[in-house]
């Protein structure tokens, strides 16, 4: 019997995460693959490498466990290295900077002493380089959480003080794209669905923050960009977020565990089915 492990976060109650796992399980069943949805809290799975399963759809972001499972021979979708790079916004930028168009980004200095004030000299250098407003991003986070906009030097100082003990970065604000972007789902290095996300009340376009999605045509240059980006990062599946810059599209983020409920609703594309079919082609060809 063909068997799949769908590994989800140990504690999540997020309806989108749970629905994504169930949708994939349904599509695998249609393809003759029995899929078990398991929370990532069973040491036996870590120790045995998911013995008895042909592969694992890894829907968590626990870096240690993903590498342990691969070390024991289990094929992960996506692979551990790819998930790790995409989970860290600064690492994503470092991986693609100079190869793909992206807003200029500056890492924040690490702070190990909470009582030490942030460097105003450094923050002035940030705004001299990136201007104001400036986007302040926590390196880890999804659904728009941890992404802030500092409109003044004082707001920037307050945010930097609040975040100084967390990994974070500063990114040039693309005013032309405020409240709107394009989300593209890529499977097997092939774009399969695209939508514009529009938010009239927030500079972040996330649907979880009040934005709405609508199907859109994916231009050939954008399709090529997303395909090449996915291949460069070694991804089987991802959601690419593109900003509308003055001189063309810019890569904002790459999400290895992108939710697909919103884009399925907006476009009518069965993303879960396409992803399950891709995995089965990879595993059983």
Protein backbone atom coordinates (compact mmCIF):
# COMPACT_ATOMS: atom_id res chain seq x y z
CA UNK A 1 0.00 0.00 0.00
CA UNK A 2 1.20 3.49 -0.83
CA UNK A 3 1.42 5.53 2.37
CA UNK A 4 2.07 9.20 3.06
CA UNK A 5 2.80 11.08 6.26
CA UNK A 6 1.38 14.60 6.52
CA UNK A 7 3.17 16.20 9.44
CA UNK A 8 1.62 19.32 10.97
CA UNK A 9 2.65 21.55 13.86
CA UNK A 10 2.37 20.02 17.31
CA UNK A 11 0.15 22.77 18.72
CA UNK A 12 -1.61 24.49 15.83
CA UNK A 13 -5.33 25.22 15.96
CA UNK A 14 -5.20 27.39 12.85
CA UNK A 15 -8.15 26.42 10.66
CA UNK A 16 -6.22 27.12 7.46
CA UNK A 17 -3.41 24.77 8.49
CA UNK A 18 -5.79 21.99 9.46
CA UNK A 19 -7.88 22.40 6.30
CA UNK A 20 -4.77 22.29 4.11
CA UNK A 21 -3.77 18.93 5.58
CA UNK A 22 -7.27 17.49 5.15
CA UNK A 23 -7.48 18.68 1.54
CA UNK A 24 -4.19 17.00 0.70
CA UNK A 25 -5.29 13.80 2.44
CA UNK A 26 -8.44 13.75 0.29
CA UNK A 27 -6.48 14.23 -2.92
CA UNK A 28 -3.97 11.52 -2.02
CA UNK A 29 -6.84 9.11 -1.36
CA UNK A 30 -8.15 9.84 -4.86
CA UNK A 31 -4.71 8.80 -6.17
CA UNK A 32 -4.64 5.57 -4.15
CA UNK A 33 -2.33 6.84 -1.40
CA UNK A 34 -3.29 6.48 2.26
CA UNK A 35 -2.22 9.64 4.08
CA UNK A 36 -2.03 9.99 7.85
CA UNK A 37 -2.17 13.46 9.41
CA UNK A 38 0.12 13.47 12.44
CA UNK A 39 1.11 16.23 14.83
CA UNK A 40 4.84 16.85 15.07
CA UNK A 41 5.28 15.65 18.66
CA UNK A 42 5.99 11.93 18.42
CA UNK A 43 9.67 11.12 19.17
CA UNK A 44 9.24 7.69 17.56
CA UNK A 45 8.64 9.32 14.18
CA UNK A 46 11.79 11.41 14.61
CA UNK A 47 13.83 8.37 15.66
CA UNK A 48 12.61 5.98 12.96
CA UNK A 49 12.35 8.52 10.17
CA UNK A 50 8.66 7.79 9.65
CA UNK A 51 9.18 4.07 9.06
CA UNK A 52 6.43 2.63 6.91
CA UNK A 53 5.76 5.84 5.02
CA UNK A 54 6.89 6.44 1.45
CA UNK A 55 7.28 10.19 1.94
CA UNK A 56 6.30 13.10 4.15
CA UNK A 57 4.45 16.30 3.29
CA UNK A 58 6.10 18.51 5.87
CA UNK A 59 3.66 21.26 6.86
CA UNK A 60 5.55 22.37 9.96
CA UNK A 61 8.54 24.71 10.23
CA UNK A 62 10.48 22.81 12.89
CA UNK A 63 13.95 22.81 11.35
CA UNK A 64 15.49 20.16 13.60
CA UNK A 65 12.82 17.54 12.92
CA UNK A 66 12.85 18.11 9.16
CA UNK A 67 16.60 17.51 9.05
CA UNK A 68 16.30 14.46 11.34
CA UNK A 69 13.70 12.88 9.07
CA UNK A 70 15.83 13.47 5.98
CA UNK A 71 18.91 12.13 7.75
CA UNK A 72 17.00 8.90 8.30
CA UNK A 73 16.10 8.65 4.63
CA UNK A 74 12.56 10.02 4.39
CA UNK A 75 11.77 12.19 1.35
CA UNK A 76 10.22 15.48 2.43
CA UNK A 77 8.02 17.82 0.41
CA UNK A 78 9.44 20.44 0.64
CA UNK A 79 13.01 19.50 1.47
CA UNK A 80 14.47 20.61 4.81
CA UNK A 81 17.02 23.06 3.38
CA UNK A 82 14.41 24.76 1.21
CA UNK A 83 11.97 25.14 4.10
CA UNK A 84 14.71 26.55 6.32
CA UNK A 85 15.72 29.22 3.80
CA UNK A 86 12.13 30.28 3.09
CA UNK A 87 11.16 30.36 6.76
CA UNK A 88 13.73 33.10 7.47
CA UNK A 89 12.99 36.29 5.52
CA UNK A 90 16.58 37.49 5.74
CA UNK A 91 17.95 34.16 4.55
CA UNK A 92 15.52 34.23 1.64
CA UNK A 93 16.79 37.66 0.68
CA UNK A 94 20.42 36.54 0.91
CA UNK A 95 19.66 33.50 -1.27
CA UNK A 96 18.06 35.50 -4.08
CA UNK A 97 19.71 38.93 -3.85
CA UNK A 98 21.60 39.77 -7.03
CA UNK A 99 19.85 36.94 -8.91
CA UNK A 100 16.24 38.09 -8.77
CA UNK A 101 14.71 41.57 -8.39
CA UNK A 102 13.85 42.26 -4.74
CA UNK A 103 13.46 45.32 -2.50
CA UNK A 104 16.74 46.36 -0.91
CA UNK A 105 16.99 44.87 2.58
CA UNK A 106 19.28 45.49 5.57
CA UNK A 107 19.68 43.05 8.49
CA UNK A 108 19.28 44.36 12.02
CA UNK A 109 22.29 43.94 14.33
CA UNK A 110 21.84 41.11 16.82
CA UNK A 111 21.23 42.27 20.39
CA UNK A 112 22.02 39.98 23.32
CA UNK A 113 21.64 42.68 26.00
CA UNK A 114 18.03 43.85 26.35
CA UNK A 115 19.04 46.78 28.55
CA UNK A 116 21.25 48.22 25.80
CA UNK A 117 19.45 50.90 23.72
CA UNK A 118 19.28 50.55 19.96
CA UNK A 119 21.85 52.44 17.94
CA UNK A 120 20.29 55.66 16.62
CA UNK A 121 23.32 56.07 14.37
CA UNK A 122 22.53 52.74 12.73
CA UNK A 123 18.85 53.64 12.32
CA UNK A 124 19.75 56.92 10.67
CA UNK A 125 21.95 54.98 8.25
CA UNK A 126 18.99 52.68 7.51
CA UNK A 127 16.69 55.56 6.58
CA UNK A 128 19.41 57.31 4.60
CA UNK A 129 19.74 54.12 2.56
CA UNK A 130 16.11 52.96 2.37
CA UNK A 131 14.13 56.13 3.01
CA UNK A 132 10.91 56.60 4.96
CA UNK A 133 8.46 55.00 5.36
CA UNK A 134 10.47 51.81 5.83
CA UNK A 135 9.23 48.24 6.29
CA UNK A 136 10.41 46.46 9.44
CA UNK A 137 10.11 42.67 9.28
CA UNK A 138 10.62 40.03 11.89
CA UNK A 139 12.56 37.26 10.15
CA UNK A 140 10.06 34.60 11.25
CA UNK A 141 6.32 34.91 10.79
CA UNK A 142 3.44 34.33 8.40
CA UNK A 143 0.03 35.76 7.49
CA UNK A 144 1.50 39.25 7.69
CA UNK A 145 2.31 38.96 11.39
CA UNK A 146 5.57 40.63 12.37
CA UNK A 147 5.58 42.99 9.37
CA UNK A 148 5.44 46.68 10.32
CA UNK A 149 5.67 50.07 8.62
CA UNK A 150 7.66 52.85 10.27
CA UNK A 151 6.55 56.21 8.85
CA UNK A 152 8.90 58.39 10.90
CA UNK A 153 12.33 58.10 12.48
CA UNK A 154 10.68 58.03 15.91
CA UNK A 155 8.40 55.14 14.88
CA UNK A 156 11.42 53.31 13.52
CA UNK A 157 13.25 53.77 16.82
CA UNK A 158 10.24 52.47 18.78
CA UNK A 159 9.92 49.39 16.56
CA UNK A 160 13.66 48.69 16.65
CA UNK A 161 13.61 48.92 20.44
CA UNK A 162 10.64 46.54 20.61
CA UNK A 163 12.24 44.01 18.26
CA UNK A 164 15.92 44.33 19.16
CA UNK A 165 16.22 40.87 20.73
CA UNK A 166 14.41 39.20 17.80
CA UNK A 167 15.98 38.53 14.39
CA UNK A 168 14.57 41.19 12.07
CA UNK A 169 15.40 43.29 9.04
CA UNK A 170 14.58 46.56 7.29
CA UNK A 171 13.26 46.69 3.74
CA UNK A 172 12.60 49.47 1.27
CA UNK A 173 8.90 50.35 1.12
CA UNK A 174 7.47 49.96 -2.39
CA UNK A 175 4.82 52.68 -2.28
CA UNK A 176 3.38 51.73 -5.69
CA UNK A 177 2.45 48.33 -4.25
CA UNK A 178 1.00 49.43 -0.91
CA UNK A 179 -1.94 47.18 -0.08
CA UNK A 180 -1.60 45.09 -3.21
CA UNK A 181 0.59 42.32 -4.56
CA UNK A 182 0.44 39.16 -6.66
CA UNK A 183 0.50 35.68 -5.12
CA UNK A 184 1.66 32.89 -7.45
CA UNK A 185 1.54 29.20 -6.55
CA UNK A 186 4.37 27.18 -8.11
CA UNK A 187 4.40 23.37 -8.16
CA UNK A 188 7.28 21.42 -9.65
CA UNK A 189 8.78 24.71 -10.89
CA UNK A 190 5.59 25.43 -12.86
CA UNK A 191 3.26 28.30 -11.95
CA UNK A 192 -0.26 26.88 -11.65
CA UNK A 193 -2.35 29.73 -10.19
CA UNK A 194 -2.08 33.47 -9.69
CA UNK A 195 -4.17 36.09 -7.95
CA UNK A 196 -3.91 39.73 -7.07
CA UNK A 197 -4.36 40.49 -3.40
CA UNK A 198 -5.85 43.87 -2.55
CA UNK A 199 -6.21 45.42 0.90
CA UNK A 200 -7.83 48.85 1.20
CA UNK A 201 -7.15 49.21 4.93
CA UNK A 202 -3.57 47.98 5.39
CA UNK A 203 -0.26 48.28 3.53
CA UNK A 204 -0.03 44.50 3.83
CA UNK A 205 -2.14 42.69 1.26
CA UNK A 206 -2.69 39.48 3.25
CA UNK A 207 -6.20 38.04 3.09
CA UNK A 208 -5.87 37.21 6.80
CA UNK A 209 -5.57 40.95 7.45
CA UNK A 210 -8.65 41.99 5.50
CA UNK A 211 -7.40 41.70 1.93
CA UNK A 212 -9.27 40.03 -0.89
CA UNK A 213 -8.02 37.88 -3.72
CA UNK A 214 -9.03 37.96 -7.36
CA UNK A 215 -7.82 35.77 -10.21
CA UNK A 216 -5.42 37.41 -12.62
CA UNK A 217 -3.49 36.62 -15.76
CA UNK A 218 0.14 35.76 -15.08
CA UNK A 219 2.42 37.59 -17.55
CA UNK A 220 5.06 35.46 -19.25
CA UNK A 221 7.94 37.30 -17.59
CA UNK A 222 6.38 36.81 -14.15
CA UNK A 223 5.78 33.11 -14.84
CA UNK A 224 9.40 32.68 -15.87
CA UNK A 225 10.60 34.58 -12.79
CA UNK A 226 8.57 32.39 -10.42
CA UNK A 227 9.64 29.16 -12.11
CA UNK A 228 13.32 30.10 -11.98
CA UNK A 229 13.01 31.26 -8.38
CA UNK A 230 11.40 27.99 -7.27
CA UNK A 231 14.12 25.97 -9.01
CA UNK A 232 16.91 28.07 -7.53
CA UNK A 233 15.59 27.49 -4.00
CA UNK A 234 15.02 23.76 -4.56
CA UNK A 235 11.28 23.89 -3.91
CA UNK A 236 8.60 21.41 -4.97
CA UNK A 237 5.84 23.76 -3.83
CA UNK A 238 5.74 27.42 -2.91
CA UNK A 239 3.81 30.65 -2.95
CA UNK A 240 5.70 33.60 -4.41
CA UNK A 241 4.63 37.11 -3.42
CA UNK A 242 5.41 39.74 -6.04
CA UNK A 243 5.29 43.51 -5.53
CA UNK A 244 4.50 46.01 -8.26
CA UNK A 245 7.57 48.25 -8.47
CA UNK A 246 8.10 51.29 -10.70
CA UNK A 247 10.40 49.33 -12.98
CA UNK A 248 8.70 45.96 -12.80
CA UNK A 249 7.87 43.11 -10.46
CA UNK A 250 9.88 42.53 -7.29
CA UNK A 251 10.09 39.37 -5.18
CA UNK A 252 8.80 40.18 -1.72
CA UNK A 253 8.70 36.73 -0.10
CA UNK A 254 8.75 33.04 -0.94
CA UNK A 255 6.55 30.81 1.22
CA UNK A 256 7.34 27.09 1.18
CA UNK A 257 4.20 26.30 3.20
CA UNK A 258 1.83 28.75 1.51
CA UNK A 259 -1.86 28.24 2.24
CA UNK A 260 -3.92 27.56 -0.86
CA UNK A 261 -7.55 27.93 0.28
CA UNK A 262 -7.74 31.60 -0.71
CA UNK A 263 -6.22 31.15 -4.15
CA UNK A 264 -8.35 28.06 -4.86
CA UNK A 265 -11.45 30.12 -4.07
CA UNK A 266 -10.30 33.06 -6.17
CA UNK A 267 -9.14 31.10 -9.22
CA UNK A 268 -11.03 27.80 -9.18
CA UNK A 269 -7.70 25.94 -9.49
CA UNK A 270 -7.50 22.75 -7.39
CA UNK A 271 -4.05 23.41 -5.93
CA UNK A 272 -4.24 20.50 -3.49
CA UNK A 273 -4.88 18.08 -6.34
CA UNK A 274 -2.03 19.45 -8.45
CA UNK A 275 0.38 19.24 -5.52
CA UNK A 276 -0.66 15.66 -4.68
CA UNK A 277 -0.29 14.66 -8.33
CA UNK A 278 3.18 16.23 -8.49
CA UNK A 279 4.31 14.34 -5.39
CA UNK A 280 2.99 11.04 -6.72
CA UNK A 281 4.80 11.57 -10.03
CA UNK A 282 8.01 12.20 -8.11
CA UNK A 283 7.61 9.19 -5.85
CA UNK A 284 5.98 6.52 -8.01
CA UNK A 285 7.12 7.16 -11.58
